[in-house]
Amino acid sequence: MKTFLAILLLCLTALPAAAQLSDDEILREALWTRAATAKRPARPSVGLALSGGGARGFAHTGVLEALEYAGFPVDYVAGTSMGALIGAIYSSGQPIEELWGFGRDAARLKVGRDFGGIKMLPLLIADKLITPKYITQFIQGRLAGLTFEKLRKPFACTAMDIRTGEKIIFTEGPLDIAVRASVNIPGVFAPVQYRHRYLVDGGVVDNVPVDAARGLGADWVLASVMENSVNKNPESVLTTLLQVIDIRGSLLSKEAEKTSNFVMRSQVGDMSVADFERCTEAGEAGLTAASAAMDAARENFLVYAAPRLVEGL
């Protein structure tokens, strides 16, 4: 048994010589079939951690499609901000095509108007934050009436209590309120009041919720994150605030990524967090990135899963 396991791990981790490539491919495919079709606990449980990123986070849709096409098992999902919205819809059992439709609807319904219509001077004069009308309608139209308990896959999303700085992880109760809190940008939108808490975007404290995925029960966690090439000075108080929050989220992401087992990075070009008319573009970037990284992800998972897969052989 120990000899078999040693040989198996060696085959999985070593770079094959050209003459051995065919045999190694056969071995990998056989092991992958076993891993993808095995029921827990015969294989490690798999969790997804979907990062925040505003409109750029629609790249997660492409990642999910690539994982589904590859037959990659997904047992648990955790999301922050846009990752919470994508993850909630996916965990509810809706097909991937519905997610692509969500991206097209976001552009058609001009969800970005909640950002474009913000004028900082009136906000300062009124001394009052606004409630995002279009984002709220968009979330309620898709998630109203659903609860965490009714989802097809166990799901968690994160928010922050603006009064205490505490990270809040939602795993039960109404889904739309939890997701609405997770996407709620602090300093721009009024906190969501729920269960005696005042909640804002979870990306401020946990932009890649790897710990939340593990808390649900995931053994092996794949993190989906975005990278963009925006390199210009903000032009207003609002864009400055959004960029500061974005930078903070990126710093948190780097720390969280270290605790994941594998990271898929989607290059989303110069998209900003409010470019909702470009959601489909972000999704396509995610599909391209995930497809390119899929062999490496499968290899990583197989190495991790090998001891459990060979038990009883």
C-alpha atoms as a PDB file:
ATOM      1  CA  MET A   1       0.000   0.000   0.000  1.00  0.00           C
ATOM      2  CA  LYS A   2       2.757   2.468   0.960  1.00  0.00           C
ATOM      3  CA  THR A   3       4.733   1.545  -2.167  1.00  0.00           C
ATOM      4  CA  PHE A   4       1.683   2.117  -4.376  1.00  0.00           C
ATOM      5  CA  LEU A   5       1.053   5.503  -2.781  1.00  0.00           C
ATOM      6  CA  ALA A   6       4.679   6.555  -3.194  1.00  0.00           C
ATOM      7  CA  ILE A   7       4.646   5.633  -6.875  1.00  0.00           C
ATOM      8  CA  LEU A   8       1.336   7.416  -7.362  1.00  0.00           C
ATOM      9  CA  LEU A   9       2.545  10.645  -5.750  1.00  0.00           C
ATOM     10  CA  LEU A  10       5.761  10.502  -7.755  1.00  0.00           C
ATOM     11  CA  CYS A  11       3.833  10.179 -11.012  1.00  0.00           C
ATOM     12  CA  LEU A  12       1.600  13.077 -10.093  1.00  0.00           C
ATOM     13  CA  THR A  13       4.329  15.491  -9.045  1.00  0.00           C
ATOM     14  CA  ALA A  14       7.175  14.700 -11.425  1.00  0.00           C
ATOM     15  CA  LEU A  15       7.419  16.401 -14.810  1.00  0.00           C
ATOM     16  CA  PRO A  16       7.092  13.544 -17.313  1.00  0.00           C
ATOM     17  CA  ALA A  17       9.613  12.804 -20.014  1.00  0.00           C
ATOM     18  CA  ALA A  18       8.309  12.851 -23.558  1.00  0.00           C
ATOM     19  CA  ALA A  19       8.342   9.061 -23.791  1.00  0.00           C
ATOM     20  CA  GLN A  20       6.302   8.742 -20.598  1.00  0.00           C
ATOM     21  CA  LEU A  21       3.761  11.434 -21.393  1.00  0.00           C
ATOM     22  CA  SER A  22       1.086   9.117 -22.734  1.00  0.00           C
ATOM     23  CA  ASP A  23       1.230   6.799 -19.739  1.00  0.00           C
ATOM     24  CA  ASP A  24       1.149   9.722 -17.318  1.00  0.00           C
ATOM     25  CA  GLU A  25      -1.818  11.253 -19.099  1.00  0.00           C
ATOM     26  CA  ILE A  26      -3.681   7.965 -18.831  1.00  0.00           C
ATOM     27  CA  LEU A  27      -2.854   7.737 -15.127  1.00  0.00           C
ATOM     28  CA  ARG A  28      -3.949  11.323 -14.488  1.00  0.00           C
ATOM     29  CA  GLU A  29      -7.218  10.902 -16.354  1.00  0.00           C
ATOM     30  CA  ALA A  30      -7.985   7.690 -14.476  1.00  0.00           C
ATOM     31  CA  LEU A  31      -7.276   9.361 -11.169  1.00  0.00           C
ATOM     32  CA  TRP A  32      -9.231  12.441 -12.155  1.00  0.00           C
ATOM     33  CA  THR A  33     -12.256  10.361 -13.085  1.00  0.00           C
ATOM     34  CA  ARG A  34     -12.062   8.683  -9.702  1.00  0.00           C
ATOM     35  CA  ALA A  35     -11.653  12.012  -7.902  1.00  0.00           C
ATOM     36  CA  ALA A  36     -14.419  13.796  -9.795  1.00  0.00           C
ATOM     37  CA  THR A  37     -16.970  11.014  -9.377  1.00  0.00           C
ATOM     38  CA  ALA A  38     -16.129   9.873  -5.843  1.00  0.00           C
ATOM     39  CA  LYS A  39     -18.496  10.813  -3.063  1.00  0.00           C
ATOM     40  CA  ARG A  40     -17.245  12.356   0.144  1.00  0.00           C
ATOM     41  CA  PRO A  41     -15.497  11.235   2.284  1.00  0.00           C
ATOM     42  CA  ALA A  42     -13.823   9.078  -0.379  1.00  0.00           C
ATOM     43  CA  ARG A  43     -12.333  12.327  -1.702  1.00  0.00           C
ATOM     44  CA  PRO A  44     -11.533  15.656  -0.002  1.00  0.00           C
ATOM     45  CA  SER A  45     -14.338  18.228  -0.054  1.00  0.00           C
ATOM     46  CA  VAL A  46     -13.855  21.191  -2.402  1.00  0.00           C
ATOM     47  CA  GLY A  47     -14.667  24.805  -1.602  1.00  0.00           C
ATOM     48  CA  LEU A  48     -14.669  27.927  -3.767  1.00  0.00           C
ATOM     49  CA  ALA A  49     -13.722  31.339  -2.378  1.00  0.00           C
ATOM     50  CA  LEU A  50     -14.992  34.071  -4.713  1.00  0.00           C
ATOM     51  CA  SER A  51     -13.415  37.464  -4.165  1.00  0.00           C
ATOM     52  CA  GLY A  52     -14.927  40.920  -4.305  1.00  0.00           C
ATOM     53  CA  GLY A  53     -14.143  43.363  -7.077  1.00  0.00           C
ATOM     54  CA  GLY A  54     -17.345  45.114  -8.132  1.00  0.00           C
ATOM     55  CA  ALA A  55     -18.213  44.620 -11.789  1.00  0.00           C
ATOM     56  CA  ARG A  56     -14.861  42.905 -12.315  1.00  0.00           C
ATOM     57  CA  GLY A  57     -16.111  40.103 -10.087  1.00  0.00           C
ATOM     58  CA  PHE A  58     -18.332  38.890 -12.900  1.00  0.00           C
ATOM     59  CA  ALA A  59     -15.176  37.040 -14.001  1.00  0.00           C
ATOM     60  CA  HIS A  60     -16.262  34.391 -11.482  1.00  0.00           C
ATOM     61  CA  THR A  61     -18.987  33.367 -13.936  1.00  0.00           C
ATOM     62  CA  GLY A  62     -16.386  32.330 -16.492  1.00  0.00           C
ATOM     63  CA  VAL A  63     -14.424  30.487 -13.795  1.00  0.00           C
ATOM     64  CA  LEU A  64     -17.548  28.582 -12.731  1.00  0.00           C
ATOM     65  CA  GLU A  65     -18.299  27.609 -16.329  1.00  0.00           C
ATOM     66  CA  ALA A  66     -14.763  26.289 -16.813  1.00  0.00           C
ATOM     67  CA  LEU A  67     -14.950  24.280 -13.590  1.00  0.00           C
ATOM     68  CA  GLU A  68     -18.311  22.840 -14.572  1.00  0.00           C
ATOM     69  CA  TYR A  69     -17.061  21.904 -18.050  1.00  0.00           C
ATOM     70  CA  ALA A  70     -14.018  20.177 -16.517  1.00  0.00           C
ATOM     71  CA  GLY A  71     -16.215  18.219 -14.133  1.00  0.00           C
ATOM     72  CA  PHE A  72     -14.466  19.763 -11.144  1.00  0.00           C
ATOM     73  CA  PRO A  73     -16.398  18.838  -7.981  1.00  0.00           C
ATOM     74  CA  VAL A  74     -17.662  21.803  -5.936  1.00  0.00           C
ATOM     75  CA  ASP A  75     -19.134  21.152  -2.506  1.00  0.00           C
ATOM     76  CA  TYR A  76     -19.047  24.545  -0.768  1.00  0.00           C
ATOM     77  CA  VAL A  77     -19.095  28.166  -1.935  1.00  0.00           C
ATOM     78  CA  ALA A  78     -18.134  31.350  -0.109  1.00  0.00           C
ATOM     79  CA  GLY A  79     -18.222  34.841  -1.579  1.00  0.00           C
ATOM     80  CA  THR A  80     -17.548  38.463  -0.763  1.00  0.00           C
ATOM     81  CA  SER A  81     -19.199  41.462  -2.431  1.00  0.00           C
ATOM     82  CA  MET A  82     -19.725  40.581  -6.122  1.00  0.00           C
ATOM     83  CA  GLY A  83     -18.419  37.115  -5.289  1.00  0.00           C
ATOM     84  CA  ALA A  84     -21.284  36.843  -2.799  1.00  0.00           C
ATOM     85  CA  LEU A  85     -23.864  37.678  -5.466  1.00  0.00           C
ATOM     86  CA  ILE A  86     -22.388  35.307  -8.053  1.00  0.00           C
ATOM     87  CA  GLY A  87     -21.912  32.603  -5.430  1.00  0.00           C
ATOM     88  CA  ALA A  88     -25.461  32.920  -4.119  1.00  0.00           C
ATOM     89  CA  ILE A  89     -26.997  32.558  -7.565  1.00  0.00           C
ATOM     90  CA  TYR A  90     -24.731  29.607  -8.386  1.00  0.00           C
ATOM     91  CA  SER A  91     -25.403  27.895  -5.043  1.00  0.00           C
ATOM     92  CA  SER A  92     -29.143  28.199  -5.602  1.00  0.00           C
ATOM     93  CA  GLY A  93     -28.802  25.700  -8.439  1.00  0.00           C
ATOM     94  CA  GLN A  94     -29.426  28.067 -11.334  1.00  0.00           C
ATOM     95  CA  PRO A  95     -27.579  27.057 -14.517  1.00  0.00           C
ATOM     96  CA  ILE A  96     -24.465  28.897 -15.637  1.00  0.00           C
ATOM     97  CA  GLU A  97     -26.412  30.439 -18.520  1.00  0.00           C
ATOM     98  CA  GLU A  98     -28.523  32.259 -15.951  1.00  0.00           C
ATOM     99  CA  LEU A  99     -25.353  33.827 -14.591  1.00  0.00           C
ATOM    100  CA  TRP A 100     -24.376  35.037 -18.059  1.00  0.00           C
ATOM    101  CA  GLY A 101     -27.878  36.441 -18.342  1.00  0.00           C
ATOM    102  CA  PHE A 102     -27.360  38.211 -15.040  1.00  0.00           C
ATOM    103  CA  GLY A 103     -24.312  39.936 -16.514  1.00  0.00           C
ATOM    104  CA  ARG A 104     -26.234  41.044 -19.587  1.00  0.00           C
ATOM    105  CA  ASP A 105     -29.071  42.297 -17.369  1.00  0.00           C
ATOM    106  CA  ALA A 106     -26.640  44.272 -15.214  1.00  0.00           C
ATOM    107  CA  ALA A 107     -25.541  46.163 -18.311  1.00  0.00           C
ATOM    108  CA  ARG A 108     -29.061  46.536 -19.730  1.00  0.00           C
ATOM    109  CA  LEU A 109     -30.542  47.754 -16.453  1.00  0.00           C
ATOM    110  CA  LYS A 110     -27.581  50.076 -15.924  1.00  0.00           C
ATOM    111  CA  VAL A 111     -26.834  48.941 -12.391  1.00  0.00           C
ATOM    112  CA  GLY A 112     -23.840  51.285 -12.487  1.00  0.00           C
ATOM    113  CA  ARG A 113     -26.250  54.212 -12.221  1.00  0.00           C
ATOM    114  CA  ASP A 114     -26.047  53.799  -8.458  1.00  0.00           C
ATOM    115  CA  PHE A 115     -22.443  54.976  -8.807  1.00  0.00           C
ATOM    116  CA  GLY A 116     -22.742  57.368 -11.720  1.00  0.00           C
ATOM    117  CA  GLY A 117     -25.524  59.320 -10.075  1.00  0.00           C
ATOM    118  CA  ILE A 118     -23.584  59.995  -6.880  1.00  0.00           C
ATOM    119  CA  LYS A 119     -22.593  63.629  -6.401  1.00  0.00           C
ATOM    120  CA  MET A 120     -20.364  64.168  -3.408  1.00  0.00           C
ATOM    121  CA  LEU A 121     -21.355  67.809  -2.729  1.00  0.00           C
ATOM    122  CA  PRO A 122     -25.079  67.013  -2.275  1.00  0.00           C
ATOM    123  CA  LEU A 123     -24.084  64.103  -0.025  1.00  0.00           C
ATOM    124  CA  LEU A 124     -21.983  66.391   2.132  1.00  0.00           C
ATOM    125  CA  ILE A 125     -24.723  69.016   2.312  1.00  0.00           C
ATOM    126  CA  ALA A 126     -27.420  66.465   3.122  1.00  0.00           C
ATOM    127  CA  ASP A 127     -25.093  64.713   5.592  1.00  0.00           C
ATOM    128  CA  LYS A 128     -26.769  61.424   4.640  1.00  0.00           C
ATOM    129  CA  LEU A 129     -25.643  58.308   2.803  1.00  0.00           C
ATOM    130  CA  ILE A 130     -27.809  56.878   0.035  1.00  0.00           C
ATOM    131  CA  THR A 131     -29.449  53.504  -0.465  1.00  0.00           C
ATOM    132  CA  PRO A 132     -28.453  51.952  -3.829  1.00  0.00           C
ATOM    133  CA  LYS A 133     -31.798  51.708  -5.621  1.00  0.00           C
ATOM    134  CA  TYR A 134     -30.797  49.730  -8.717  1.00  0.00           C
ATOM    135  CA  ILE A 135     -28.443  47.307  -6.959  1.00  0.00           C
ATOM    136  CA  THR A 136     -31.084  46.574  -4.316  1.00  0.00           C
ATOM    137  CA  GLN A 137     -33.758  45.922  -6.942  1.00  0.00           C
ATOM    138  CA  PHE A 138     -31.353  43.753  -8.893  1.00  0.00           C
ATOM    139  CA  ILE A 139     -30.536  41.556  -5.874  1.00  0.00           C
ATOM    140  CA  GLN A 140     -34.108  41.279  -4.637  1.00  0.00           C
ATOM    141  CA  GLY A 141     -35.324  40.378  -8.108  1.00  0.00           C
ATOM    142  CA  ARG A 142     -33.071  37.306  -8.101  1.00  0.00           C
ATOM    143  CA  LEU A 143     -32.770  36.259  -4.478  1.00  0.00           C
ATOM    144  CA  ALA A 144     -35.903  37.470  -2.660  1.00  0.00           C
ATOM    145  CA  GLY A 145     -37.612  34.621  -0.827  1.00  0.00           C
ATOM    146  CA  LEU A 146     -34.539  32.392  -0.810  1.00  0.00           C
ATOM    147  CA  THR A 147     -32.762  31.379   2.370  1.00  0.00           C
ATOM    148  CA  PHE A 148     -29.354  29.820   2.943  1.00  0.00           C
ATOM    149  CA  GLU A 149     -31.100  26.674   4.094  1.00  0.00           C
ATOM    150  CA  LYS A 150     -32.855  26.248   0.716  1.00  0.00           C
ATOM    151  CA  LEU A 151     -29.710  26.434  -1.419  1.00  0.00           C
ATOM    152  CA  ARG A 152     -28.450  23.452  -3.412  1.00  0.00           C
ATOM    153  CA  LYS A 153     -24.892  23.951  -2.138  1.00  0.00           C
ATOM    154  CA  PRO A 154     -23.836  25.204   1.300  1.00  0.00           C
ATOM    155  CA  PHE A 155     -22.966  28.882   0.936  1.00  0.00           C
ATOM    156  CA  ALA A 156     -21.474  31.665   3.058  1.00  0.00           C
ATOM    157  CA  CYS A 157     -20.921  35.358   2.450  1.00  0.00           C
ATOM    158  CA  THR A 158     -19.158  38.039   4.439  1.00  0.00           C
ATOM    159  CA  ALA A 159     -19.927  41.567   5.608  1.00  0.00           C
ATOM    160  CA  MET A 160     -18.506  43.940   8.214  1.00  0.00           C
ATOM    161  CA  ASP A 161     -20.217  45.593  11.161  1.00  0.00           C
ATOM    162  CA  ILE A 162     -19.348  49.255  10.606  1.00  0.00           C
ATOM    163  CA  ARG A 163     -19.633  50.034  14.316  1.00  0.00           C
ATOM    164  CA  THR A 164     -17.267  47.345  15.600  1.00  0.00           C
ATOM    165  CA  GLY A 165     -15.163  46.357  12.581  1.00  0.00           C
ATOM    166  CA  GLU A 166     -16.191  42.746  13.177  1.00  0.00           C
ATOM    167  CA  LYS A 167     -16.294  40.328  10.268  1.00  0.00           C
ATOM    168  CA  ILE A 168     -19.756  38.812   9.916  1.00  0.00           C
ATOM    169  CA  ILE A 169     -20.144  35.482   8.107  1.00  0.00           C
ATOM    170  CA  PHE A 170     -23.673  34.689   6.956  1.00  0.00           C
ATOM    171  CA  THR A 171     -24.630  31.018   6.677  1.00  0.00           C
ATOM    172  CA  GLU A 172     -28.330  31.115   7.559  1.00  0.00           C
ATOM    173  CA  GLY A 173     -31.438  33.227   7.173  1.00  0.00           C
ATOM    174  CA  PRO A 174     -32.658  35.400   4.270  1.00  0.00           C
ATOM    175  CA  LEU A 175     -30.248  35.356   1.346  1.00  0.00           C
ATOM    176  CA  ASP A 176     -31.033  38.717  -0.249  1.00  0.00           C
ATOM    177  CA  ILE A 177     -30.290  40.743   2.911  1.00  0.00           C
ATOM    178  CA  ALA A 178     -26.965  38.971   3.451  1.00  0.00           C
ATOM    179  CA  VAL A 179     -25.846  39.515  -0.146  1.00  0.00           C
ATOM    180  CA  ARG A 180     -27.050  43.115  -0.107  1.00  0.00           C
ATOM    181  CA  ALA A 181     -24.903  43.727   2.993  1.00  0.00           C
ATOM    182  CA  SER A 182     -21.895  42.035   1.394  1.00  0.00           C
ATOM    183  CA  VAL A 183     -21.942  44.371  -1.649  1.00  0.00           C
ATOM    184  CA  ASN A 184     -22.610  47.542   0.376  1.00  0.00           C
ATOM    185  CA  ILE A 185     -19.706  49.946  -0.197  1.00  0.00           C
ATOM    186  CA  PRO A 186     -18.868  51.867   2.999  1.00  0.00           C
ATOM    187  CA  GLY A 187     -18.765  55.648   2.850  1.00  0.00           C
ATOM    188  CA  VAL A 188     -21.057  55.672  -0.187  1.00  0.00           C
ATOM    189  CA  PHE A 189     -24.085  53.551   0.639  1.00  0.00           C
ATOM    190  CA  ALA A 190     -25.970  53.562   3.925  1.00  0.00           C
ATOM    191  CA  PRO A 191     -25.230  50.523   6.131  1.00  0.00           C
ATOM    192  CA  VAL A 192     -27.706  47.660   5.935  1.00  0.00           C
ATOM    193  CA  GLN A 193     -29.461  47.302   9.268  1.00  0.00           C
ATOM    194  CA  TYR A 194     -29.994  43.663  10.194  1.00  0.00           C
ATOM    195  CA  ARG A 195     -30.205  41.915  13.558  1.00  0.00           C
ATOM    196  CA  HIS A 196     -29.034  44.981  15.488  1.00  0.00           C
ATOM    197  CA  ARG A 197     -25.999  45.358  13.252  1.00  0.00           C
ATOM    198  CA  TYR A 198     -25.025  47.992  10.687  1.00  0.00           C
ATOM    199  CA  LEU A 199     -23.400  46.158   7.826  1.00  0.00           C
ATOM    200  CA  VAL A 200     -21.148  47.119   4.910  1.00  0.00           C
ATOM    201  CA  ASP A 201     -19.111  45.416   2.181  1.00  0.00           C
ATOM    202  CA  GLY A 202     -17.264  42.334   3.412  1.00  0.00           C
ATOM    203  CA  GLY A 203     -14.312  43.151   1.157  1.00  0.00           C
ATOM    204  CA  VAL A 204     -13.122  45.634   3.761  1.00  0.00           C
ATOM    205  CA  VAL A 205     -12.216  42.783   6.129  1.00  0.00           C
ATOM    206  CA  ASP A 206     -12.205  39.596   4.032  1.00  0.00           C
ATOM    207  CA  ASN A 207     -11.930  40.069   0.277  1.00  0.00           C
ATOM    208  CA  VAL A 208     -11.238  36.391  -0.469  1.00  0.00           C
ATOM    209  CA  PRO A 209     -13.269  34.318   2.034  1.00  0.00           C
ATOM    210  CA  VAL A 210     -11.056  31.242   2.218  1.00  0.00           C
ATOM    211  CA  ASP A 211     -11.698  30.853   5.945  1.00  0.00           C
ATOM    212  CA  ALA A 212     -15.462  31.026   5.363  1.00  0.00           C
ATOM    213  CA  ALA A 213     -15.204  28.194   2.819  1.00  0.00           C
ATOM    214  CA  ARG A 214     -13.219  26.092   5.284  1.00  0.00           C
ATOM    215  CA  GLY A 215     -15.741  26.945   7.988  1.00  0.00           C
ATOM    216  CA  LEU A 216     -18.452  25.365   5.841  1.00  0.00           C
ATOM    217  CA  GLY A 217     -16.413  22.150   5.715  1.00  0.00           C
ATOM    218  CA  ALA A 218     -14.092  22.474   2.703  1.00  0.00           C
ATOM    219  CA  ASP A 219     -10.801  20.552   2.857  1.00  0.00           C
ATOM    220  CA  TRP A 220      -9.316  21.948  -0.377  1.00  0.00           C
ATOM    221  CA  VAL A 221     -10.100  25.546  -1.395  1.00  0.00           C
ATOM    222  CA  LEU A 222      -9.786  27.192  -4.800  1.00  0.00           C
ATOM    223  CA  ALA A 223      -9.687  31.003  -4.697  1.00  0.00           C
ATOM    224  CA  SER A 224     -10.949  33.014  -7.668  1.00  0.00           C
ATOM    225  CA  VAL A 225      -9.516  36.547  -7.768  1.00  0.00           C
ATOM    226  CA  MET A 226      -9.238  39.389 -10.270  1.00  0.00           C
ATOM    227  CA  GLU A 227      -6.256  41.404 -11.420  1.00  0.00           C
ATOM    228  CA  ASN A 228      -6.603  44.594 -13.427  1.00  0.00           C
ATOM    229  CA  SER A 229      -4.270  47.120 -15.004  1.00  0.00           C
ATOM    230  CA  VAL A 230      -5.878  50.389 -13.895  1.00  0.00           C
ATOM    231  CA  ASN A 231      -3.007  52.797 -13.337  1.00  0.00           C
ATOM    232  CA  LYS A 232      -4.367  56.328 -13.231  1.00  0.00           C
ATOM    233  CA  ASN A 233      -5.077  58.984 -10.666  1.00  0.00           C
ATOM    234  CA  PRO A 234      -8.678  59.129  -9.419  1.00  0.00           C
ATOM    235  CA  GLU A 235     -10.556  62.184 -10.657  1.00  0.00           C
ATOM    236  CA  SER A 236     -13.036  62.767  -7.847  1.00  0.00           C
ATOM    237  CA  VAL A 237     -13.658  62.180  -4.157  1.00  0.00           C
ATOM    238  CA  LEU A 238     -15.859  59.206  -5.056  1.00  0.00           C
ATOM    239  CA  THR A 239     -13.342  57.502  -7.348  1.00  0.00           C
ATOM    240  CA  THR A 240     -10.630  58.138  -4.745  1.00  0.00           C
ATOM    241  CA  LEU A 241     -12.719  56.384  -2.088  1.00  0.00           C
ATOM    242  CA  LEU A 242     -13.457  53.454  -4.394  1.00  0.00           C
ATOM    243  CA  GLN A 243      -9.779  53.122  -5.287  1.00  0.00           C
ATOM    244  CA  VAL A 244      -8.712  53.158  -1.623  1.00  0.00           C
ATOM    245  CA  ILE A 245     -11.247  50.399  -0.859  1.00  0.00           C
ATOM    246  CA  ASP A 246     -10.036  48.491  -3.915  1.00  0.00           C
ATOM    247  CA  ILE A 247      -6.388  48.709  -2.831  1.00  0.00           C
ATOM    248  CA  ARG A 248      -7.314  47.605   0.674  1.00  0.00           C
ATOM    249  CA  GLY A 249      -9.154  44.613  -0.783  1.00  0.00           C
ATOM    250  CA  SER A 250      -6.149  43.692  -2.930  1.00  0.00           C
ATOM    251  CA  LEU A 251      -3.844  43.698   0.086  1.00  0.00           C
ATOM    252  CA  LEU A 252      -6.244  41.473   2.009  1.00  0.00           C
ATOM    253  CA  SER A 253      -6.498  39.171  -1.008  1.00  0.00           C
ATOM    254  CA  LYS A 254      -2.763  38.514  -1.048  1.00  0.00           C
ATOM    255  CA  GLU A 255      -2.868  37.339   2.550  1.00  0.00           C
ATOM    256  CA  ALA A 256      -5.950  35.153   2.050  1.00  0.00           C
ATOM    257  CA  GLU A 257      -4.526  33.585  -1.104  1.00  0.00           C
ATOM    258  CA  LYS A 258      -1.676  32.136   0.975  1.00  0.00           C
ATOM    259  CA  THR A 259      -4.182  30.031   2.910  1.00  0.00           C
ATOM    260  CA  SER A 260      -5.921  28.649  -0.186  1.00  0.00           C
ATOM    261  CA  ASN A 261      -4.794  25.541  -2.030  1.00  0.00           C
ATOM    262  CA  PHE A 262      -4.999  26.987  -5.524  1.00  0.00           C
ATOM    263  CA  VAL A 263      -5.602  30.451  -6.999  1.00  0.00           C
ATOM    264  CA  MET A 264      -7.165  31.295 -10.358  1.00  0.00           C
ATOM    265  CA  ARG A 265      -6.409  34.859 -11.449  1.00  0.00           C
ATOM    266  CA  SER A 266      -8.564  36.554 -14.065  1.00  0.00           C
ATOM    267  CA  GLN A 267      -6.989  39.449 -15.939  1.00  0.00           C
ATOM    268  CA  VAL A 268      -9.769  42.021 -16.392  1.00  0.00           C
ATOM    269  CA  GLY A 269      -7.787  44.784 -18.089  1.00  0.00           C
ATOM    270  CA  ASP A 270      -8.656  48.343 -17.148  1.00  0.00           C
ATOM    271  CA  MET A 271     -12.126  47.658 -15.760  1.00  0.00           C
ATOM    272  CA  SER A 272     -13.231  49.627 -12.707  1.00  0.00           C
ATOM    273  CA  VAL A 273     -15.470  48.349  -9.928  1.00  0.00           C
ATOM    274  CA  ALA A 274     -18.429  50.257 -11.440  1.00  0.00           C
ATOM    275  CA  ASP A 275     -18.068  49.156 -15.098  1.00  0.00           C
ATOM    276  CA  PHE A 276     -21.223  47.033 -15.021  1.00  0.00           C
ATOM    277  CA  GLU A 277     -21.773  47.486 -18.754  1.00  0.00           C
ATOM    278  CA  ARG A 278     -18.623  45.365 -19.198  1.00  0.00           C
ATOM    279  CA  CYS A 279     -19.722  42.377 -17.107  1.00  0.00           C
ATOM    280  CA  THR A 280     -19.701  39.998 -20.078  1.00  0.00           C
ATOM    281  CA  GLU A 281     -16.154  41.072 -20.896  1.00  0.00           C
ATOM    282  CA  ALA A 282     -15.095  40.217 -17.346  1.00  0.00           C
ATOM    283  CA  GLY A 283     -16.843  36.848 -17.572  1.00  0.00           C
ATOM    284  CA  GLU A 284     -14.986  36.009 -20.755  1.00  0.00           C
ATOM    285  CA  ALA A 285     -11.688  36.952 -19.081  1.00  0.00           C
ATOM    286  CA  GLY A 286     -12.537  34.576 -16.245  1.00  0.00           C
ATOM    287  CA  LEU A 287     -13.350  31.760 -18.659  1.00  0.00           C
ATOM    288  CA  THR A 288     -10.047  32.245 -20.486  1.00  0.00           C
ATOM    289  CA  ALA A 289      -7.996  32.355 -17.277  1.00  0.00           C
ATOM    290  CA  ALA A 290      -9.699  29.348 -15.683  1.00  0.00           C
ATOM    291  CA  SER A 291      -9.430  27.238 -18.833  1.00  0.00           C
ATOM    292  CA  ALA A 292      -5.705  27.958 -19.026  1.00  0.00           C
ATOM    293  CA  ALA A 293      -5.204  27.088 -15.343  1.00  0.00           C
ATOM    294  CA  MET A 294      -7.452  24.010 -15.234  1.00  0.00           C
ATOM    295  CA  ASP A 295      -4.768  21.361 -15.747  1.00  0.00           C
ATOM    296  CA  ALA A 296      -2.691  22.869 -12.946  1.00  0.00           C
ATOM    297  CA  ALA A 297      -5.748  23.030 -10.669  1.00  0.00           C
ATOM    298  CA  ARG A 298      -6.614  19.401 -11.329  1.00  0.00           C
ATOM    299  CA  GLU A 299      -2.995  18.375 -10.697  1.00  0.00           C
ATOM    300  CA  ASN A 300      -2.939  20.270  -7.404  1.00  0.00           C
ATOM    301  CA  PHE A 301      -6.171  18.688  -6.260  1.00  0.00           C
ATOM    302  CA  LEU A 302      -5.071  15.177  -7.266  1.00  0.00           C
ATOM    303  CA  VAL A 303      -1.840  15.479  -5.301  1.00  0.00           C
ATOM    304  CA  TYR A 304      -3.825  16.636  -2.260  1.00  0.00           C
ATOM    305  CA  ALA A 305      -6.479  13.942  -2.734  1.00  0.00           C
ATOM    306  CA  ALA A 306      -4.168  11.014  -3.575  1.00  0.00           C
ATOM    307  CA  PRO A 307      -3.871   9.553  -0.057  1.00  0.00           C
ATOM    308  CA  ARG A 308      -7.636   9.409   0.321  1.00  0.00           C
ATOM    309  CA  LEU A 309      -8.291   8.191  -3.221  1.00  0.00           C
ATOM    310  CA  VAL A 310      -6.055   5.142  -2.828  1.00  0.00           C
ATOM    311  CA  GLU A 311      -7.468   4.099   0.535  1.00  0.00           C
ATOM    312  CA  GLY A 312      -8.880   0.622   0.286  1.00  0.00           C
ATOM    313  CA  LEU A 313      -7.160  -0.211  -2.980  1.00  0.00           C
END
